[in-house]
Amino acid sequence: MKIVFTGGGTGGHFFPIIAVAEAVQKISTDERLLAPTMYYIAPTPYDQQSLFANNIQYIACPAGKVRRYFSVMNFTDVFVTLTGIVRAFFILLKIYPDVVFSKGGFASIPTVIAAHLLRIPIVIHESDSKPGKANLLAAKYAYRIAITFDSSSALFPAKTQKNIVRTGIPIRAQLATSLPQGTAQELGLDPVVPTIFILGGSSGSKKINEVVLEGLPELVNVANVIHQTGKELFTETESTAKVILGTSAHADRYHAFPFLTSDAMREAAGASSLVISRAGATSITEISLWHKPSILIPIPESVSHDQRTNAYAYAHTGAAVVLEEHNMTQHILVSEVKRILGDQNVWQEMANSSMTFANADAAALIAKELVLIAQSHNPTDAAIAAATPAPITPKV
C-alpha cells in the first residue's frame, strides 16, 4: 500500500497530513495490514522531524505560487508550476501510489494534476469555509472531498457534490485533548482567578501582542495570562510586559512563552478558561476539541482570504466571538474577556457550543477511506469506477 501526501507549505496544510498519516499507521497496525509506504511531495519538507517520526519519505517537487497582489513572479511561477507537473508526473509514474491525499495550497497543484493524468485516485481535504483555488481545481478530479465547514460545500462545482462529506479537520493525537492537570502548579497560576490562553499563530502576532500589552494591567486583575508571543516577538513582548506591570501586585499572573510544544499546548489549554486566538481552521478545531470559549481575531482579508470567514462560521455556533483586527482596542478586548469570564451562564453556553463543531475522529475517517481506496486500487478507470469502498460516515 503506497500513499502520497501533498499540500502547501504552512502548518495548517502540513500538520493535518501528519495526523492522517498517524491514523493510517494505526489502522495498519490494528488490522494487521502490511506497513504502508508513505511519501510527502512538496517544494520543502516543512518539518523533517515529523516526517521522519511517521516514516514518511520526502520528495522535492517545485510549485509556483499565485500571489494576491501584482508581482512579476506571478508570471515566472507559471513555468515553475509547469516544471513541477512534469517532475511530479515522473515521480508518480515511478512509485505509482495507490492513492494521493491533498491538503490543498499551491504546493499541491503539480502532484494533483500529475495524479489525474495517471488516473490515480485523489482525495482532497478543505480546511476553510471558503475553498482555496488549488482545491477548487483538484475537486474536478477528486474521488472524495472532505470538508470542515458545511458552508464550503456549496462553493464546490455542482458535479462534485456527491463526493463531498464533512469530516472536520484531522488533528494530531497529542493535540486532540487538553491536559487539565499540571500546568497550574508548574506555572504557579493563581487558583483564585481563571486563566486566559493567548495564541497569535505559530509565528506570533505583533498586533495581538500590542493590544494584549496595552490591556495587560486590567487583564491580570481578573485572570492569569498564558501568552504565546511567537519566537521573534518574545524578547520585546516580555520586556515590555515587565515595564507595564512594574510593581503590580498581580505581575506574577502573566506568563509569556515564545513557543509551546504539543504537550505544553495541551497543558495550557487544560488550565485555561478562555482562549484568544487567530482564526486558522486548525486552531479553531483544536479550541473546539478543548471545549473552551474563545475570542477569535482573524488575519485581515488583505493578507488571508479564509480566516475571517472561518471565524464568523465558527462564531455562528455560539462558541466564540469575533474581534476584527482593524478596530480592536485594548478596551474592547478587555471588555469581552470580562463579559465572558464574569458571567458563568455565558461561559457555559459558549463552552457547550464549542463541543458541537469539531470531530475528534476526522483523521481516522480520512485514513480509513485512503486505506480502502488503496486496497481496491487498480490503475484503470473501469476498476476505479467498480471499486465500492465504504463511504465516510460524516459527523452530524
Protein backbone atom coordinates (compact mmCIF):
# COMPACT_ATOMS: atom_id res chain seq x y z
CA MET A 1 0.00 0.00 0.00
CA LYS A 2 1.50 3.29 -1.17
CA ILE A 3 0.06 6.67 -0.21
CA VAL A 4 1.27 10.07 -1.41
CA PHE A 5 0.55 13.21 0.60
CA THR A 6 0.84 16.71 -0.79
CA GLY A 7 -0.08 20.20 0.37
CA GLY A 8 1.00 23.82 0.75
CA GLY A 9 3.91 24.83 2.92
CA THR A 10 2.10 26.03 6.05
CA GLY A 11 1.35 24.33 9.34
CA GLY A 12 -2.36 24.46 8.52
CA HIS A 13 -1.71 22.25 5.49
CA PHE A 14 1.15 20.15 6.82
CA PHE A 15 0.09 19.02 10.29
CA PRO A 16 -3.32 17.63 9.23
CA ILE A 17 -1.32 15.46 6.81
CA ILE A 18 0.73 14.20 9.75
CA ALA A 19 -2.50 13.48 11.66
CA VAL A 20 -3.85 11.40 8.77
CA ALA A 21 -0.52 9.57 8.41
CA GLU A 22 -0.63 8.71 12.14
CA ALA A 23 -4.14 7.34 11.68
CA VAL A 24 -3.09 5.28 8.63
CA GLN A 25 -0.31 3.72 10.68
CA LYS A 26 -2.75 2.89 13.48
CA ILE A 27 -5.24 1.26 11.10
CA SER A 28 -2.47 -0.80 9.54
CA THR A 29 -1.34 -1.96 12.98
CA ASP A 30 -4.83 -2.63 14.34
CA GLU A 31 -5.95 -4.53 11.24
CA ARG A 32 -2.60 -6.29 10.81
CA LEU A 33 -2.02 -4.90 7.33
CA LEU A 34 1.34 -4.55 5.66
CA ALA A 35 3.03 -1.35 6.80
CA PRO A 36 2.15 1.42 4.32
CA THR A 37 4.78 3.19 2.27
CA MET A 38 4.09 6.91 2.53
CA TYR A 39 5.52 9.90 0.67
CA TYR A 40 5.24 13.66 1.04
CA ILE A 41 5.69 15.61 -2.21
CA ALA A 42 6.15 19.38 -1.90
CA PRO A 43 8.70 22.13 -2.59
CA THR A 44 10.02 21.92 1.01
CA PRO A 45 9.72 19.28 3.75
CA TYR A 46 8.36 21.87 6.23
CA ASP A 47 9.10 19.69 9.30
CA GLN A 48 11.65 16.94 8.71
CA GLN A 49 11.31 15.61 12.25
CA SER A 50 7.57 14.95 11.88
CA LEU A 51 8.10 13.24 8.54
CA PHE A 52 10.85 11.03 9.97
CA ALA A 53 8.81 10.17 13.07
CA ASN A 54 5.96 8.94 10.89
CA ASN A 55 8.08 7.07 8.31
CA ILE A 56 7.12 9.46 5.52
CA GLN A 57 9.63 9.84 2.69
CA TYR A 58 10.04 13.39 1.41
CA ILE A 59 10.36 14.03 -2.33
CA ALA A 60 11.07 17.56 -3.52
CA CYS A 61 8.92 18.98 -6.32
CA PRO A 62 8.76 22.65 -7.38
CA ALA A 63 5.49 24.57 -7.42
CA GLY A 64 4.75 28.15 -8.38
CA LYS A 65 2.69 30.43 -6.18
CA VAL A 66 -0.15 32.73 -7.23
CA ARG A 67 0.04 35.90 -5.15
CA ARG A 68 -2.92 38.11 -4.27
CA TYR A 69 -1.03 41.18 -5.39
CA PHE A 70 0.82 42.25 -8.54
CA SER A 71 4.21 40.61 -8.88
CA VAL A 72 6.40 39.62 -11.81
CA MET A 73 6.83 36.30 -10.03
CA ASN A 74 3.16 35.51 -10.73
CA PHE A 75 4.24 35.21 -14.37
CA THR A 76 7.53 33.37 -13.85
CA ASP A 77 5.97 30.97 -11.35
CA VAL A 78 3.69 29.64 -14.10
CA PHE A 79 6.78 27.99 -15.56
CA VAL A 80 7.82 26.75 -12.11
CA THR A 81 4.44 25.03 -11.81
CA LEU A 82 4.72 23.51 -15.30
CA THR A 83 8.15 22.18 -14.36
CA GLY A 84 6.63 20.79 -11.17
CA ILE A 85 3.87 18.99 -13.08
CA VAL A 86 6.42 17.28 -15.31
CA ARG A 87 8.56 16.29 -12.32
CA ALA A 88 5.53 15.09 -10.34
CA PHE A 89 4.37 13.03 -13.32
CA PHE A 90 7.60 11.07 -13.46
CA ILE A 91 7.79 10.78 -9.65
CA LEU A 92 4.30 9.26 -9.51
CA LEU A 93 4.96 7.11 -12.57
CA LYS A 94 7.98 5.64 -10.80
CA ILE A 95 6.42 4.92 -7.40
CA TYR A 96 2.83 4.59 -8.68
CA PRO A 97 0.93 5.14 -5.43
CA ASP A 98 -2.49 3.66 -4.76
CA VAL A 99 -3.96 7.00 -3.71
CA VAL A 100 -2.97 10.66 -3.38
CA PHE A 101 -4.17 12.79 -0.46
CA SER A 102 -4.02 16.56 -0.98
CA LYS A 103 -4.48 19.27 1.64
CA GLY A 104 -4.55 22.00 -0.96
CA GLY A 105 -2.34 25.05 -1.32
CA PHE A 106 -0.16 25.99 -4.27
CA ALA A 107 2.35 23.21 -3.49
CA SER A 108 -0.26 20.53 -4.19
CA ILE A 109 -1.12 21.53 -7.76
CA PRO A 110 1.68 19.71 -9.66
CA THR A 111 1.11 16.43 -7.81
CA VAL A 112 -2.69 16.58 -8.15
CA ILE A 113 -2.54 17.27 -11.90
CA ALA A 114 0.05 14.52 -12.40
CA ALA A 115 -2.09 12.07 -10.40
CA HIS A 116 -5.11 12.92 -12.56
CA LEU A 117 -3.12 12.34 -15.75
CA LEU A 118 -2.04 8.94 -14.41
CA ARG A 119 -5.59 8.07 -13.26
CA ILE A 120 -4.50 7.69 -9.65
CA PRO A 121 -7.40 8.23 -7.19
CA ILE A 122 -7.27 11.59 -5.41
CA VAL A 123 -8.75 12.51 -2.03
CA ILE A 124 -8.70 16.17 -1.00
CA HIS A 125 -9.41 17.99 2.23
CA GLU A 126 -10.55 21.59 2.59
CA SER A 127 -9.98 23.17 6.00
CA ASP A 128 -11.55 26.57 5.39
CA SER A 129 -15.10 27.80 4.98
CA LYS A 130 -14.09 29.28 1.62
CA PRO A 131 -12.25 26.71 -0.54
CA GLY A 132 -8.88 27.69 -1.92
CA LYS A 133 -8.14 27.82 -5.65
CA ALA A 134 -5.98 24.69 -5.52
CA ASN A 135 -8.76 22.61 -4.01
CA LEU A 136 -11.38 24.02 -6.37
CA LEU A 137 -9.17 22.80 -9.20
CA ALA A 138 -8.49 19.44 -7.55
CA ALA A 139 -12.19 18.90 -6.80
CA LYS A 140 -12.81 18.27 -10.51
CA TYR A 141 -10.60 15.21 -10.29
CA ALA A 142 -11.23 14.09 -6.72
CA TYR A 143 -12.64 10.71 -5.76
CA ARG A 144 -13.56 12.10 -2.31
CA ILE A 145 -13.78 15.68 -0.98
CA ALA A 146 -13.59 16.09 2.79
CA ILE A 147 -14.63 19.44 4.25
CA THR A 148 -14.65 21.17 7.64
CA PHE A 149 -17.39 23.80 7.35
CA ASP A 150 -20.82 22.88 5.99
CA SER A 151 -20.93 26.24 4.23
CA SER A 152 -18.00 25.37 1.97
CA SER A 153 -19.90 22.56 0.25
CA ALA A 154 -21.98 24.90 -1.93
CA LEU A 155 -18.82 26.61 -3.21
CA PHE A 156 -17.55 23.46 -4.94
CA PRO A 157 -18.71 22.63 -8.50
CA ALA A 158 -22.19 21.10 -8.70
CA LYS A 159 -20.96 17.88 -10.28
CA THR A 160 -18.68 17.21 -7.30
CA GLN A 161 -21.41 17.41 -4.64
CA LYS A 162 -21.92 13.64 -4.49
CA ASN A 163 -18.28 13.22 -3.43
CA ILE A 164 -18.39 15.72 -0.55
CA VAL A 165 -18.58 14.81 3.12
CA ARG A 166 -17.96 16.81 6.29
CA THR A 167 -15.27 15.15 8.37
CA GLY A 168 -13.74 18.08 10.25
CA ILE A 169 -10.02 18.79 10.38
CA PRO A 170 -7.55 15.99 11.13
CA ILE A 171 -5.78 16.87 14.37
CA ARG A 172 -2.65 15.17 15.68
CA ALA A 173 -3.45 12.79 18.52
CA GLN A 174 -1.36 14.67 21.08
CA LEU A 175 -3.31 17.90 20.48
CA ALA A 176 -6.84 16.49 20.33
CA THR A 177 -7.36 16.68 24.09
CA SER A 178 -6.24 19.09 26.77
CA LEU A 179 -4.41 18.18 29.97
CA PRO A 180 -6.23 19.72 32.93
CA GLN A 181 -3.61 18.75 35.48
CA GLY A 182 -0.08 20.02 35.94
CA THR A 183 0.12 23.47 34.38
CA ALA A 184 -1.44 25.40 37.25
CA GLN A 185 1.12 24.04 39.67
CA GLU A 186 4.10 24.22 37.31
CA LEU A 187 3.45 27.85 36.34
CA GLY A 188 2.34 28.96 39.75
CA LEU A 189 -1.03 30.09 38.44
CA ASP A 190 -3.26 31.84 40.92
CA PRO A 191 -6.06 29.32 41.65
CA VAL A 192 -8.42 32.08 42.76
CA VAL A 193 -8.87 33.53 39.23
CA PRO A 194 -9.48 31.97 35.79
CA THR A 195 -6.78 31.69 33.12
CA ILE A 196 -6.65 33.22 29.63
CA PHE A 197 -4.62 31.41 26.95
CA ILE A 198 -3.47 33.74 24.14
CA LEU A 199 -2.27 32.35 20.79
CA GLY A 200 -1.08 34.52 17.93
CA GLY A 201 -0.33 31.71 15.50
CA SER A 202 2.91 29.78 15.04
CA SER A 203 4.86 32.99 14.32
CA GLY A 204 3.00 35.16 16.78
CA SER A 205 1.10 38.34 16.02
CA LYS A 206 2.56 41.77 16.64
CA LYS A 207 -0.90 43.39 16.62
CA ILE A 208 -2.36 40.94 19.15
CA ASN A 209 0.72 41.29 21.34
CA GLU A 210 0.44 45.08 21.31
CA VAL A 211 -3.24 45.11 22.27
CA VAL A 212 -2.70 42.49 24.99
CA LEU A 213 0.15 44.53 26.45
CA GLU A 214 -1.96 47.68 26.43
CA GLY A 215 -4.71 45.90 28.33
CA LEU A 216 -2.42 43.80 30.50
CA PRO A 217 -2.90 45.70 33.80
CA GLU A 218 -6.67 45.09 33.60
CA LEU A 219 -6.31 41.51 32.38
CA VAL A 220 -4.10 40.37 35.26
CA ASN A 221 -6.55 41.94 37.69
CA VAL A 222 -9.15 39.35 36.67
CA ALA A 223 -7.16 36.39 35.33
CA ASN A 224 -3.88 34.57 34.85
CA VAL A 225 -2.49 35.13 31.33
CA ILE A 226 -0.57 32.47 29.38
CA HIS A 227 0.74 34.23 26.28
CA GLN A 228 2.42 32.53 23.31
CA THR A 229 4.11 35.53 21.73
CA GLY A 230 5.97 33.99 18.79
CA LYS A 231 9.72 33.33 18.84
CA GLU A 232 10.80 36.54 17.12
CA LEU A 233 8.48 38.72 19.21
CA PHE A 234 9.16 37.13 22.60
CA THR A 235 12.02 39.28 23.92
CA GLU A 236 10.33 42.56 23.04
CA THR A 237 6.94 41.45 24.40
CA GLU A 238 8.30 40.06 27.66
CA SER A 239 10.47 43.11 28.40
CA THR A 240 7.59 45.49 27.63
CA ALA A 241 5.27 43.49 29.89
CA LYS A 242 7.72 43.82 32.79
CA VAL A 243 7.79 47.59 32.37
CA ILE A 244 4.00 47.85 32.09
CA LEU A 245 3.28 45.67 35.11
CA GLY A 246 6.15 47.11 37.16
CA THR A 247 5.46 46.51 40.83
CA SER A 248 1.84 45.46 40.26
CA ALA A 249 0.57 43.06 42.90
CA HIS A 250 -0.54 40.72 40.13
CA ALA A 251 2.54 40.86 37.89
CA ASP A 252 3.20 37.18 38.55
CA ARG A 253 -0.08 36.26 36.85
CA TYR A 254 1.45 36.98 33.43
CA HIS A 255 3.39 34.14 31.77
CA ALA A 256 4.94 34.70 28.34
CA PHE A 257 6.39 31.98 26.11
CA PRO A 258 7.99 32.24 22.66
CA PHE A 259 6.61 28.88 21.54
CA LEU A 260 4.77 25.96 23.15
CA THR A 261 5.39 22.29 22.41
CA SER A 262 2.43 19.97 21.84
CA ASP A 263 2.41 18.82 25.46
CA ALA A 264 2.79 22.38 26.77
CA MET A 265 -0.05 23.48 24.49
CA ARG A 266 -2.34 20.80 25.90
CA GLU A 267 -1.41 21.70 29.47
CA ALA A 268 -2.02 25.40 28.86
CA ALA A 269 -5.36 24.60 27.24
CA GLY A 270 -6.31 22.40 30.17
CA ALA A 271 -5.59 25.16 32.66
CA SER A 272 -7.40 27.87 30.68
CA SER A 273 -10.98 29.11 30.84
CA LEU A 274 -10.82 31.24 27.70
CA VAL A 275 -8.69 31.13 24.53
CA ILE A 276 -7.81 34.20 22.46
CA SER A 277 -6.55 33.14 19.05
CA ARG A 278 -6.15 33.76 15.36
CA ALA A 279 -8.81 32.04 13.24
CA GLY A 280 -6.93 29.43 11.27
CA ALA A 281 -9.17 26.41 10.74
CA THR A 282 -6.76 24.11 12.61
CA SER A 283 -6.61 26.49 15.58
CA ILE A 284 -10.41 26.68 15.69
CA THR A 285 -10.67 22.90 15.63
CA GLU A 286 -8.18 22.50 18.46
CA ILE A 287 -10.06 25.05 20.57
CA SER A 288 -13.31 23.21 19.88
CA LEU A 289 -11.77 19.88 20.90
CA TRP A 290 -10.54 21.53 24.10
CA HIS A 291 -14.17 22.63 24.76
CA LYS A 292 -13.15 26.21 25.51
CA PRO A 293 -14.94 29.51 24.79
CA SER A 294 -12.86 31.72 22.55
CA ILE A 295 -12.27 35.20 21.20
CA LEU A 296 -11.11 34.98 17.58
CA ILE A 297 -9.06 37.70 15.90
CA PRO A 298 -8.79 36.79 12.19
CA ILE A 299 -5.94 37.91 10.00
CA PRO A 300 -7.23 40.74 7.73
CA GLU A 301 -8.64 39.63 4.38
CA SER A 302 -5.94 41.62 2.58
CA VAL A 303 -3.47 39.06 3.94
CA SER A 304 -5.57 35.89 4.23
CA HIS A 305 -8.84 35.22 2.42
CA ASP A 306 -10.01 32.48 4.75
CA GLN A 307 -9.61 33.43 8.42
CA ARG A 308 -12.41 35.98 8.55
CA THR A 309 -14.96 33.60 7.04
CA ASN A 310 -13.69 30.80 9.29
CA ALA A 311 -14.10 32.97 12.37
CA TYR A 312 -17.68 34.01 11.62
CA ALA A 313 -18.70 30.49 10.59
CA TYR A 314 -17.44 29.16 13.92
CA ALA A 315 -18.90 32.08 15.89
CA HIS A 316 -22.28 31.20 14.36
CA THR A 317 -22.27 28.08 16.58
CA GLY A 318 -22.20 30.32 19.67
CA ALA A 319 -18.77 29.09 20.79
CA ALA A 320 -16.82 32.25 20.00
CA VAL A 321 -16.92 35.99 19.48
CA VAL A 322 -15.02 37.70 16.67
CA LEU A 323 -12.97 40.88 17.00
CA GLU A 324 -11.81 42.45 13.75
CA GLU A 325 -8.14 43.45 13.94
CA HIS A 326 -8.62 46.85 12.31
CA ASN A 327 -10.96 48.12 15.04
CA MET A 328 -9.74 46.11 18.02
CA THR A 329 -8.54 48.11 21.03
CA GLN A 330 -7.46 47.05 24.49
CA HIS A 331 -10.77 48.36 25.86
CA ILE A 332 -12.83 46.18 23.51
CA LEU A 333 -10.66 43.13 24.19
CA VAL A 334 -10.73 43.55 27.98
CA SER A 335 -14.48 44.19 27.90
CA GLU A 336 -15.12 40.91 26.04
CA VAL A 337 -12.83 38.98 28.37
CA LYS A 338 -14.67 40.34 31.43
CA ARG A 339 -18.08 39.67 29.87
CA ILE A 340 -17.30 36.01 29.15
CA LEU A 341 -15.39 35.21 32.34
CA GLY A 342 -17.67 37.30 34.53
CA ASP A 343 -20.92 35.52 33.66
CA GLN A 344 -20.98 31.78 34.33
CA ASN A 345 -24.06 31.30 32.15
CA VAL A 346 -22.40 32.98 29.16
CA TRP A 347 -19.21 30.99 29.69
CA GLN A 348 -21.08 27.67 29.99
CA GLU A 349 -23.20 28.29 26.89
CA MET A 350 -20.08 29.04 24.85
CA ALA A 351 -18.26 26.01 26.23
CA ASN A 352 -21.22 23.76 25.41
CA SER A 353 -21.46 25.20 21.89
CA SER A 354 -17.76 24.54 21.28
CA MET A 355 -18.38 20.81 21.65
CA THR A 356 -20.63 20.70 18.57
CA PHE A 357 -18.12 21.77 15.92
CA ALA A 358 -15.00 19.60 15.81
CA ASN A 359 -14.76 15.89 15.15
CA ALA A 360 -12.02 14.09 17.05
CA ASP A 361 -12.29 11.19 14.57
CA ALA A 362 -11.57 13.25 11.44
CA ALA A 363 -8.08 11.82 10.89
CA ALA A 364 -9.32 8.25 11.38
CA LEU A 365 -12.24 8.75 8.96
CA ILE A 366 -9.99 10.07 6.21
CA ALA A 367 -7.30 7.46 6.88
CA LYS A 368 -9.86 4.66 6.65
CA GLU A 369 -11.01 5.94 3.29
CA LEU A 370 -7.44 6.15 2.00
CA VAL A 371 -6.77 2.58 3.10
CA LEU A 372 -9.97 1.31 1.48
CA ILE A 373 -9.21 3.06 -1.79
CA ALA A 374 -5.61 1.82 -1.70
CA GLN A 375 -6.76 -1.75 -1.15
CA SER A 376 -9.16 -1.60 -4.10
CA HIS A 377 -6.99 0.47 -6.42
CA ASN A 378 -6.39 -0.75 -9.93
CA PRO A 379 -4.83 1.74 -12.38
CA THR A 380 -7.75 1.78 -14.80
CA ASP A 381 -10.83 3.92 -14.92
CA ALA A 382 -13.07 0.86 -15.06
CA ALA A 383 -11.52 -0.65 -11.95
CA ILE A 384 -11.78 2.61 -10.05
CA ALA A 385 -15.42 3.01 -11.06
CA ALA A 386 -16.17 -0.56 -9.99
CA ALA A 387 -14.48 -0.19 -6.60
CA THR A 388 -17.02 0.22 -3.80
CA PRO A 389 -15.20 1.26 -0.62
CA ALA A 390 -17.44 2.01 2.35
CA PRO A 391 -18.28 5.71 2.35
CA ILE A 392 -17.06 8.01 5.06
CA THR A 393 -19.68 8.46 7.74
CA PRO A 394 -20.00 12.21 8.17
CA LYS A 395 -20.28 13.95 11.53
CA VAL A 396 -23.87 15.00 12.09
